[in-house]
Protein backbone atom coordinates (compact mmCIF):
# COMPACT_ATOMS: atom_id res chain seq x y z
CA MET A 1 35.68 95.60 52.94
CA TYR A 2 34.22 93.91 50.17
CA ILE A 3 30.63 95.91 48.75
CA VAL A 4 27.50 93.51 47.89
CA THR A 5 24.39 93.61 45.58
CA ALA A 6 21.27 91.97 47.25
CA GLU A 7 21.54 89.13 45.15
CA GLU A 8 24.79 88.54 46.33
CA MET A 9 23.90 89.10 50.06
CA ARG A 10 20.92 86.43 49.59
CA ARG A 11 23.89 84.12 48.28
CA LEU A 12 26.05 85.04 51.43
CA ASP A 13 23.32 84.14 53.27
CA ASN A 14 21.94 81.26 51.95
CA HIS A 15 25.86 79.68 51.95
CA THR A 16 25.60 80.46 55.93
CA ILE A 17 22.44 78.91 56.61
CA GLU A 18 22.44 76.16 54.30
CA THR A 19 26.25 75.13 53.93
CA ILE A 20 27.71 76.22 56.77
CA GLY A 21 24.91 75.42 59.12
CA ILE A 22 24.67 78.70 60.97
CA PRO A 23 21.00 78.85 61.43
CA GLN A 24 18.98 81.74 60.03
CA ALA A 25 17.92 82.69 64.19
CA ALA A 26 21.13 83.21 65.38
CA LEU A 27 22.16 84.98 62.19
CA MET A 28 19.06 87.40 63.00
CA GLU A 29 20.15 87.54 66.70
CA ASN A 30 23.37 88.38 65.79
CA ALA A 31 22.08 91.47 63.51
CA GLY A 32 19.43 92.89 66.12
CA ARG A 33 22.35 92.45 69.29
CA GLU A 34 24.37 94.62 66.78
CA ILE A 35 21.93 97.29 65.88
CA ALA A 36 21.09 97.71 69.92
CA ARG A 37 24.82 97.92 70.91
CA GLN A 38 25.55 100.25 68.24
CA ILE A 39 22.69 102.75 69.46
CA ALA A 40 23.84 102.41 73.15
CA THR A 41 27.17 102.98 72.00
CA TRP A 42 25.86 106.06 70.29
CA ILE A 43 24.00 107.35 73.34
CA ALA A 44 26.74 107.06 75.59
CA GLU A 45 29.28 109.03 73.48
CA ALA A 46 26.37 111.51 73.07
CA GLY A 47 26.89 111.76 77.42
CA ARG A 48 23.03 110.99 77.42
CA LYS A 49 21.11 108.88 80.04
CA SER A 50 20.04 105.24 78.67
CA ALA A 51 16.84 105.45 81.80
CA ALA A 52 15.88 108.94 80.23
CA GLU A 53 15.95 107.21 76.61
CA ARG A 54 12.82 105.71 74.83
CA TRP A 55 12.75 104.55 71.02
CA LEU A 56 10.39 103.38 68.96
CA VAL A 57 11.40 100.26 66.57
CA LEU A 58 9.56 100.11 63.47
CA ALA A 59 9.32 96.59 62.02
CA GLY A 60 7.83 95.36 58.46
CA LYS A 61 7.10 91.82 58.20
CA GLY A 62 10.37 90.44 56.47
CA ASN A 63 13.27 89.57 57.87
CA ASN A 64 14.62 93.32 58.71
CA GLY A 65 11.60 93.87 60.91
CA GLY A 66 12.57 90.56 62.53
CA ASP A 67 16.00 92.37 63.42
CA GLY A 68 14.04 94.52 64.95
CA PHE A 69 12.43 92.38 66.93
CA VAL A 70 15.59 91.07 68.31
CA ALA A 71 17.18 95.01 68.58
CA ALA A 72 14.47 96.27 70.66
CA ARG A 73 14.76 93.32 72.97
CA HIS A 74 18.15 94.06 73.69
CA LEU A 75 17.69 97.96 74.13
CA SER A 76 15.41 96.89 76.88
CA GLU A 77 18.18 94.87 78.61
CA ALA A 78 20.46 97.52 78.06
CA GLY A 79 18.38 99.70 80.33
CA ILE A 80 16.55 101.49 77.13
CA ALA A 81 12.43 101.85 76.91
CA VAL A 82 11.26 100.43 74.00
CA GLU A 83 8.37 100.22 71.67
CA VAL A 84 7.61 98.17 68.86
CA ALA A 85 5.15 99.37 65.87
CA LEU A 86 4.25 96.55 63.69
CA ALA A 87 3.47 97.77 59.92
CA GLU A 88 1.36 94.40 59.19
CA PRO A 89 -0.15 91.78 61.82
CA PRO A 90 2.03 88.87 62.45
CA GLU A 91 0.12 86.36 59.94
CA ARG A 92 1.25 88.39 56.99
CA MET A 93 5.40 88.08 58.45
CA SER A 94 7.97 85.84 56.91
CA PRO A 95 8.47 82.84 59.11
CA GLU A 96 11.78 83.98 61.02
CA ALA A 97 9.76 87.84 61.70
CA ALA A 98 6.80 86.02 62.84
CA GLN A 99 8.89 83.82 65.36
CA GLN A 100 10.84 87.30 66.77
CA HIS A 101 7.36 88.52 67.40
CA ASP A 102 5.70 85.56 69.09
CA ILE A 103 9.14 86.39 71.38
CA ALA A 104 8.97 89.56 72.01
CA VAL A 105 4.97 89.09 73.54
CA ARG A 106 6.57 86.29 75.54
CA PHE A 107 9.47 89.09 76.28
CA GLY A 108 6.91 91.47 77.24
CA LEU A 109 8.05 94.33 75.05
CA GLN A 110 4.56 96.59 74.25
CA LEU A 111 3.89 96.53 70.71
CA ILE A 112 1.91 99.16 68.35
CA HIS A 113 -0.41 97.65 65.79
CA CYS A 114 -0.56 100.40 63.46
CA TRP A 115 -3.34 99.37 61.63
CA GLU A 116 -4.77 100.31 64.69
CA GLN A 117 -3.50 102.57 66.31
CA LYS A 118 -1.20 105.53 65.29
CA ILE A 119 1.95 106.73 66.83
CA ALA A 120 2.69 109.36 69.08
CA TRP A 121 6.13 110.46 68.16
CA GLY A 122 6.61 112.82 70.38
CA ARG A 123 6.92 109.77 73.34
CA TYR A 124 10.61 109.18 71.70
CA THR A 125 13.92 109.74 71.62
CA GLY A 126 15.01 108.06 68.89
CA VAL A 127 13.48 105.63 66.16
CA VAL A 128 15.22 101.84 64.41
CA ASP A 129 14.23 101.63 60.85
CA ALA A 130 13.48 97.98 60.36
CA LEU A 131 10.61 98.57 58.01
CA LEU A 132 11.83 97.45 54.52
CA GLY A 133 15.27 95.35 53.83
CA THR A 134 17.67 95.10 50.93
CA GLY A 135 15.48 92.08 48.93
CA THR A 136 12.56 95.25 48.31
CA ARG A 137 12.78 97.14 44.97
CA GLY A 138 11.01 100.17 43.81
CA ALA A 139 8.70 102.65 45.99
CA PRO A 140 7.06 101.52 49.40
CA ARG A 141 3.83 100.93 49.04
CA GLU A 142 1.41 101.57 52.33
CA PRO A 143 1.45 101.35 54.70
CA TYR A 144 5.45 101.76 54.82
CA ALA A 145 4.82 105.03 52.42
CA ALA A 146 3.45 106.49 55.29
CA LEU A 147 5.36 104.96 58.33
CA ILE A 148 8.51 106.70 56.24
CA ARG A 149 6.65 109.86 55.71
CA GLU A 150 5.65 110.09 59.78
CA ALA A 151 8.99 109.10 61.01
CA ASN A 152 10.73 111.72 58.58
CA ALA A 153 8.48 114.43 59.60
CA SER A 154 9.08 113.64 63.53
CA ALA A 155 12.93 114.76 62.96
CA LEU A 156 13.78 112.63 65.57
CA PRO A 157 17.30 110.55 64.73
CA ILE A 158 16.51 107.44 63.10
CA VAL A 159 19.22 104.71 62.70
CA ALA A 160 18.94 102.27 59.77
CA ALA A 161 18.76 98.77 60.14
CA ASP A 162 21.33 97.47 57.11
CA ILE A 163 19.90 99.94 55.44
CA PRO A 164 17.49 103.26 55.00
CA SER A 165 13.38 101.62 53.75
CA GLY A 166 12.85 103.62 50.66
CA LEU A 167 16.59 103.22 49.42
CA ASP A 168 17.66 101.14 46.59
CA ALA A 169 20.11 98.54 47.92
CA ALA A 170 21.61 97.89 44.60
CA THR A 171 22.53 101.37 43.16
CA GLY A 172 21.68 103.44 45.89
CA GLU A 173 18.62 105.18 43.77
CA THR A 174 16.04 106.70 46.13
CA HIS A 175 12.49 106.21 45.69
CA GLU A 176 9.76 108.70 46.97
CA PRO A 177 9.65 108.16 50.02
CA CYS A 178 12.41 107.24 51.73
CA ILE A 179 13.81 107.52 54.92
CA ARG A 180 16.60 109.67 56.05
CA ALA A 181 18.74 107.88 58.47
CA GLU A 182 21.04 109.88 60.48
CA ARG A 183 23.09 106.72 61.01
CA THR A 184 23.07 103.40 59.49
CA VAL A 185 24.16 100.03 60.91
CA ALA A 186 24.96 98.07 57.69
CA LEU A 187 24.81 93.97 58.88
CA ALA A 188 27.51 92.21 57.53
CA PHE A 189 28.79 93.65 54.23
CA LEU A 190 28.15 97.27 52.74
CA LYS A 191 25.31 97.70 50.42
CA ARG A 192 26.42 98.77 47.37
CA GLY A 193 23.35 101.41 47.72
CA LEU A 194 25.09 102.68 50.93
CA VAL A 195 28.41 103.60 49.03
CA GLN A 196 26.71 105.40 45.95
CA TYR A 197 24.71 108.90 45.77
CA PRO A 198 22.50 109.68 46.92
CA GLY A 199 21.88 106.94 48.67
CA ALA A 200 25.34 107.67 50.65
CA GLU A 201 23.70 111.03 52.20
CA THR A 202 20.49 109.42 52.67
CA ALA A 203 21.93 106.47 54.70
CA GLY A 204 24.08 108.99 57.41
CA HIS A 205 26.65 107.45 59.15
CA VAL A 206 27.40 104.34 58.21
CA VAL A 207 29.23 101.44 59.96
CA VAL A 208 29.10 97.74 59.74
CA ARG A 209 29.01 95.11 62.37
CA PRO A 210 29.87 91.15 62.01
CA ILE A 211 26.54 88.94 62.58
CA GLY A 212 28.36 85.57 61.97
CA ILE A 213 28.95 85.29 57.96
CA PRO A 214 32.67 84.43 57.44
CA ALA A 215 34.29 87.52 56.41
CA GLY A 216 35.93 85.43 53.77
CA LEU A 217 33.40 84.65 52.32
CA ALA A 218 32.53 86.64 50.20
CA ALA A 219 35.93 86.51 47.88
CA SER A 220 35.06 82.39 47.77
CA LEU A 221 31.60 83.53 46.36
CA GLY A 222 33.40 85.73 43.80
CA VAL A 223 32.11 89.61 45.18
CA ARG A 224 34.68 91.62 43.32
CA THR A 225 33.79 94.84 44.87
CA MET A 226 35.56 96.47 47.69
CA ILE A 227 35.80 99.81 49.29
CA LEU A 228 39.23 101.62 47.98
CA ASP A 229 41.23 101.91 51.18
CA GLU A 230 44.83 101.11 52.73
CA ALA A 231 43.38 97.38 53.31
CA ALA A 232 42.49 97.19 49.55
CA LEU A 233 45.81 98.78 48.30
CA ASN A 234 48.00 96.55 51.14
CA GLY A 235 46.00 93.17 50.43
CA PRO A 236 44.18 92.67 46.88
CA LEU A 237 46.17 95.44 45.20
CA GLY A 238 49.30 94.06 46.59
CA ILE A 239 50.61 97.77 47.30
CA ASP A 240 53.03 98.38 50.35
CA VAL A 241 51.75 101.61 51.09
CA SER A 242 54.65 102.47 53.55
CA ARG A 243 56.91 101.44 51.31
CA GLU A 244 60.10 103.92 51.43
CA ARG A 245 62.83 104.79 48.49
CA ARG A 246 66.30 103.10 48.47
CA ALA A 247 68.87 105.19 49.03
CA ASP A 248 70.95 103.30 45.77
CA THR A 249 68.86 104.67 43.53
CA HIS A 250 68.66 107.63 40.77
CA LYS A 251 66.35 109.82 38.64
CA GLY A 252 66.07 106.87 35.95
CA SER A 253 64.86 104.72 38.83
CA TYR A 254 61.70 106.15 39.29
CA GLY A 255 60.16 106.63 35.36
CA HIS A 256 59.57 109.17 32.73
CA THR A 257 56.20 110.56 32.28
CA LEU A 258 55.41 112.03 28.86
CA ILE A 259 52.49 115.19 29.20
CA ALA A 260 50.76 115.98 25.91
CA ALA A 261 48.39 118.55 27.48
CA GLY A 262 47.50 122.24 26.93
CA THR A 263 46.42 124.48 24.47
CA LYS A 264 46.80 128.26 23.93
CA ARG A 265 43.12 128.21 25.68
CA MET A 266 43.92 126.16 28.81
CA SER A 267 47.65 125.77 29.07
CA GLY A 268 46.90 125.55 32.65
CA ALA A 269 45.84 121.89 32.57
CA GLY A 270 49.14 120.73 30.89
CA LEU A 271 50.67 122.86 34.22
CA LEU A 272 49.04 120.82 36.87
CA CYS A 273 48.96 117.35 35.05
CA ALA A 274 53.07 117.80 34.80
CA LYS A 275 53.30 118.92 38.30
CA ALA A 276 51.33 116.16 40.09
CA ALA A 277 53.17 113.48 37.66
CA LEU A 278 56.43 115.13 39.52
CA ARG A 279 54.38 115.12 43.13
CA ALA A 280 53.62 111.61 42.57
CA GLY A 281 57.57 110.19 42.05
CA CYS A 282 58.25 110.13 39.08
CA GLY A 283 61.75 111.06 38.21
CA LEU A 284 61.53 112.54 34.65
CA ALA A 285 58.69 114.23 33.12
CA THR A 286 58.53 115.29 29.52
CA TRP A 287 55.35 118.11 28.94
CA ALA A 288 54.97 118.40 25.58
CA VAL A 289 52.65 121.75 23.93
CA PRO A 290 52.02 123.54 20.17
CA ALA A 291 55.39 124.94 19.17
CA SER A 292 54.25 128.67 19.59
CA LEU A 293 53.04 127.80 23.56
CA ALA A 294 56.54 126.82 24.59
CA THR A 295 58.24 130.26 24.66
CA HIS A 296 55.17 131.19 26.88
CA LEU A 297 56.04 128.57 29.06
CA LEU A 298 59.57 127.98 29.75
CA GLY A 299 60.41 127.82 33.65
CA ARG A 300 56.94 127.30 34.55
CA VAL A 301 57.77 123.84 35.25
CA PRO A 302 60.83 124.13 36.10
CA GLU A 303 61.71 120.52 37.21
CA ALA A 304 60.02 118.92 34.24
CA MET A 305 61.43 119.05 30.19
CA LEU A 306 59.49 121.58 27.47
CA ALA A 307 58.48 119.65 24.42
CA GLY A 308 57.32 122.15 21.46
CA LEU A 309 55.35 120.14 18.63
CA ALA A 310 54.27 121.86 15.40
CA ASP A 311 51.31 123.83 15.30
CA ALA A 312 51.12 126.24 12.19
CA GLY A 313 51.54 129.37 15.23
CA HIS A 314 47.92 129.54 16.08
CA GLY A 315 48.57 127.33 19.96
CA ASP A 316 46.34 124.27 18.92
CA TRP A 317 47.06 120.64 18.26
CA THR A 318 47.19 119.47 15.10
CA HIS A 319 47.23 116.07 13.28
CA VAL A 320 50.94 115.85 12.76
CA ASN A 321 51.37 116.05 16.19
CA ALA A 322 50.60 112.07 16.40
CA GLU A 323 54.03 111.16 15.25
CA ALA A 324 56.38 113.87 17.30
CA ILE A 325 54.19 112.18 20.44
CA LEU A 326 55.17 108.64 19.68
CA ALA A 327 58.54 109.69 19.10
CA LEU A 328 58.88 110.84 22.20
CA ALA A 329 57.41 108.01 23.97
CA GLU A 330 59.47 105.62 22.83
CA ASP A 331 61.67 107.13 25.52
CA CYS A 332 59.48 107.28 28.23
CA ASP A 333 57.25 104.79 30.47
CA ALA A 334 53.86 106.25 30.46
CA LEU A 335 51.61 109.11 28.32
CA ALA A 336 48.93 110.87 29.80
CA LEU A 337 47.25 113.06 27.06
CA GLY A 338 44.19 114.93 26.97
CA PRO A 339 43.85 117.99 29.54
CA GLY A 340 43.19 121.05 28.29
CA MET A 341 44.19 119.48 24.81
CA GLY A 342 40.85 120.99 22.57
CA ARG A 343 39.24 119.62 19.86
CA TYR A 344 40.20 119.80 15.68
CA GLU A 345 38.96 118.11 13.12
CA GLY A 346 39.91 114.10 12.46
CA ASP A 347 41.23 114.15 15.88
CA SER A 348 39.28 110.47 16.39
CA GLN A 349 42.21 109.53 13.79
CA TRP A 350 44.60 111.20 15.51
CA LEU A 351 44.17 109.27 18.28
CA ARG A 352 44.04 106.06 16.56
CA GLY A 353 47.20 106.52 15.72
CA LEU A 354 48.56 106.78 19.36
CA TRP A 355 46.62 104.62 20.85
CA GLU A 356 47.80 101.55 17.96
CA GLY A 357 51.18 102.78 18.58
CA ALA A 358 52.43 104.23 21.55
CA GLY A 359 53.65 100.95 23.24
CA CYS A 360 53.93 102.96 26.89
CA PRO A 361 50.83 102.91 29.09
CA LEU A 362 48.02 105.74 27.97
CA VAL A 363 46.19 107.84 30.52
CA LEU A 364 43.33 109.41 28.35
CA ASP A 365 41.43 112.21 30.19
CA ALA A 366 38.94 115.26 29.22
CA ASP A 367 39.57 115.85 25.41
CA ALA A 368 41.16 112.67 24.55
CA LEU A 369 37.87 111.13 26.09
CA ASN A 370 36.04 113.15 23.76
CA MET A 371 37.89 112.14 20.58
CA LEU A 372 37.36 108.61 21.87
CA ALA A 373 33.38 108.86 22.16
CA GLU A 374 33.41 109.93 19.18
CA ALA A 375 35.14 107.51 16.97
CA PRO A 376 32.83 105.49 14.44
CA ASP A 377 35.36 103.12 14.43
CA PHE A 378 36.39 102.14 17.96
CA ALA A 379 35.76 98.94 17.50
CA ASP A 380 38.32 98.57 14.37
CA TRP A 381 40.73 99.82 16.61
CA GLN A 382 43.73 97.55 17.34
CA PRO A 383 44.17 96.43 21.22
CA ARG A 384 46.66 98.00 23.15
CA ARG A 385 49.87 97.09 23.81
CA ALA A 386 50.16 98.35 27.11
CA ALA A 387 48.00 99.13 29.74
CA THR A 388 45.35 101.82 29.36
CA VAL A 389 43.44 103.98 31.95
CA LEU A 390 40.47 106.23 30.86
CA THR A 391 39.51 108.74 33.64
CA PRO A 392 36.13 110.14 32.87
CA HIS A 393 33.65 112.06 34.87
CA PRO A 394 29.99 111.33 34.55
CA GLY A 395 29.31 113.89 31.29
CA GLU A 396 32.12 112.28 29.42
CA MET A 397 31.15 108.50 30.51
CA ALA A 398 27.95 108.78 29.17
CA ARG A 399 29.69 109.96 25.90
CA LEU A 400 31.26 107.14 26.27
CA ALA A 401 28.49 104.68 26.58
CA GLY A 402 26.14 106.17 24.63
CA VAL A 403 23.80 107.18 27.69
CA SER A 404 22.66 109.57 29.15
CA THR A 405 24.48 111.25 32.14
CA ARG A 406 21.68 110.07 34.53
CA GLU A 407 21.84 106.17 33.28
CA VAL A 408 25.44 106.63 34.62
CA GLN A 409 24.89 108.09 38.33
CA ARG A 410 22.09 105.64 38.49
CA ASP A 411 25.06 102.72 38.38
CA ARG A 412 27.93 104.40 37.98
CA ILE A 413 29.55 100.60 39.61
CA GLY A 414 27.72 98.07 37.00
CA LEU A 415 28.17 100.74 34.01
CA ALA A 416 31.86 101.08 34.85
CA ARG A 417 33.02 97.05 35.01
CA ARG A 418 31.30 96.53 32.16
CA TYR A 419 32.80 98.95 29.92
CA ALA A 420 36.17 97.95 31.76
CA GLU A 421 35.27 94.78 30.44
CA GLN A 422 34.01 94.69 27.29
CA HIS A 423 37.17 97.21 26.19
CA GLY A 424 39.58 96.21 28.51
CA VAL A 425 40.80 99.20 30.02
CA THR A 426 40.91 100.46 33.28
CA LEU A 427 38.42 103.01 34.34
CA VAL A 428 38.30 105.70 36.73
CA LEU A 429 34.94 107.15 36.90
CA LYS A 430 35.39 110.05 38.78
CA GLY A 431 32.81 112.07 40.80
CA ALA A 432 31.81 111.78 44.47
CA ARG A 433 33.01 108.24 45.10
CA THR A 434 35.18 107.85 42.30
CA VAL A 435 34.92 104.47 40.82
CA VAL A 436 38.06 102.03 39.65
CA ALA A 437 36.93 99.26 37.46
CA THR A 438 39.43 96.74 36.06
CA PRO A 439 39.52 94.72 32.63
CA ASP A 440 38.96 91.15 34.90
CA GLY A 441 35.85 92.67 36.56
CA ALA A 442 37.52 94.08 39.90
CA VAL A 443 36.14 97.78 40.89
CA TYR A 444 36.90 99.24 43.84
CA VAL A 445 35.25 102.71 45.11
CA ASN A 446 37.09 105.53 46.92
CA VAL A 447 35.01 107.03 49.59
CA ASN A 448 37.97 109.78 50.57
CA GLY A 449 37.98 113.42 49.09
CA ASN A 450 35.71 115.90 49.59
CA ALA A 451 33.20 118.55 48.31
CA GLY A 452 35.93 120.98 47.78
CA MET A 453 37.23 118.81 45.25
CA ALA A 454 34.57 119.24 42.46
CA THR A 455 36.73 122.64 40.45
CA ALA A 456 38.52 122.78 38.05
CA GLY A 457 41.73 121.28 37.21
CA ALA A 458 40.93 118.56 40.30
CA GLY A 459 41.05 116.11 37.28
CA ASP A 460 43.71 117.22 35.25
CA VAL A 461 45.75 116.91 38.73
CA LEU A 462 44.30 113.07 38.78
CA ALA A 463 45.92 112.17 35.59
CA GLY A 464 49.40 113.51 36.40
CA ILE A 465 49.47 110.86 39.37
CA ILE A 466 48.22 107.73 37.78
CA ALA A 467 50.22 108.20 34.35
CA SER A 468 53.13 109.00 37.10
CA LEU A 469 52.82 105.95 38.82
CA LEU A 470 52.36 103.89 35.88
CA SER A 471 55.44 105.47 34.71
CA GLN A 472 57.02 103.68 38.49
CA GLY A 473 56.21 100.85 37.33
CA PHE A 474 52.71 100.42 38.88
CA ASP A 475 50.51 98.24 37.07
CA ALA A 476 47.35 99.99 35.72
CA ALA A 477 44.58 98.67 38.43
CA GLN A 478 47.58 99.71 41.19
CA ALA A 479 48.04 102.94 39.57
CA ALA A 480 44.33 103.77 39.38
CA CYS A 481 43.32 102.50 42.90
CA LEU A 482 46.71 104.08 44.36
CA GLY A 483 46.42 107.29 42.68
CA VAL A 484 42.41 107.86 43.16
CA TYR A 485 43.38 107.33 47.16
CA MET A 486 46.14 109.62 46.84
CA HIS A 487 44.39 112.25 45.21
CA GLY A 488 41.48 112.53 47.41
CA ALA A 489 43.62 112.55 50.64
CA ALA A 490 45.60 114.88 49.24
CA GLY A 491 42.36 116.99 48.61
CA ASP A 492 41.13 115.98 52.31
CA ARG A 493 44.34 117.54 53.47
CA ALA A 494 44.07 120.62 51.41
CA ALA A 495 40.82 121.27 53.04
CA LEU A 496 41.58 120.76 56.17
CA LYS A 497 43.62 124.53 55.96
CA ARG A 498 40.93 126.16 53.88
CA THR A 499 38.42 128.41 55.71
CA SER A 500 35.76 126.32 53.65
CA PRO A 501 36.29 123.30 51.11
CA ALA A 502 34.44 125.54 48.74
CA SER A 503 37.71 127.84 48.19
CA LEU A 504 39.56 124.81 47.25
CA LEU A 505 41.56 124.94 44.03
CA ALA A 506 43.37 122.25 41.83
CA GLY A 507 46.76 123.61 42.97
CA ASP A 508 46.62 123.49 46.62
CA LEU A 509 46.50 119.32 46.46
CA LEU A 510 49.51 119.56 44.15
CA GLU A 511 50.81 121.07 47.69
CA GLU A 512 49.64 117.69 49.67
CA LEU A 513 50.53 114.94 47.38
């Protein structure tokens, strides 16, 4: 399922109208019909009678308002009492919206002129928000701001047409005021603002309905952002999620993962990462730790080989470990580096040696990302010979990109795409709606997982999963996307077994992989 920006949606609309030849009025008719159909379906699913309903459509002056007029007609045809509140006079409407207004008048719909009358909100059982569409930027102005505030204060269920008014369709930023919708009917394609927080929250439950724009047109016009689901895994990513292991294989058939992770204070990070790699299917795993820790960790992950590297007896990593890790990596198919590793003087140059020297795919997480962010000469580092996957949370991403965490969260998709393209890496920007961006500009947004996964160690599990998949021969985009999807699905299964998602532990995810 494609995710589009407002500009991409404009190009899709224009191509459909001008090149394919489907009239704007036909698209608007389809849009309004789908909105009404969804409302009628939800009313029936709730066990309510259409005859007992009375809905108010808030119609703006643009084409979103035109969709609202059409929806009102079809609601009326479905036996649902409906009235339309006009935010502005017809002479200020777009030509398409004005045409639908005139049809509504001839159809006999009851209209409320908000510049002359007040809305009696208590008369209604639901509201359709068709005030502002995807082309609107910035905070709503009057009279729209007042109508939005009144609609929210009414406590009535609100269904947004395409996108809630006041929500930035490009970033998911919510302006003041912004409609708080119970449901949103996205038209033709998901808009970027509907899948990024806080927009995803204010949009409520989102469904996507066709309006006559060909589904394949998005790819033809260069849309490169998709929902990460089984359709994306099986389709553009080319992963057979149902494939089974052949009977005539052995542990060497499924790759050898090297995990360099953990210190005296944070040995659990390495343990989670190593266990996750094995649970994700690699045939062999080696867990490298500071030597003075090795004796304490023997048997903690019995399925993994343990390698103790020189540490001068203090349980921390030192600059001399780089050569030892490179030697181990020669016999491995992927390297996960950073979970629970800690920091020490000169560690950015230590990381440079691994970046330039390791010939296998590399996953950088946690402290390895902070080393990278503080490398003053990163621009001079030699390009990696193999795939590189970075897995930052928003704070780490802010340090990598040299911006604030707020700026990261304002445009997660755009920032992740730019960084991945600029640095030739596959980037996994973790958080609610994890974003996977590839060096060629493709972006996938994950929508599974839950708030219980905001817990210590969950990122270590993800790093191990992705490294394991790289070891098994998946390319970087496949490993990152499949890993993120598996991680979220495991979290959802684990949460179902808890009284509350808040009690979820990172270790619970391992049992659900």
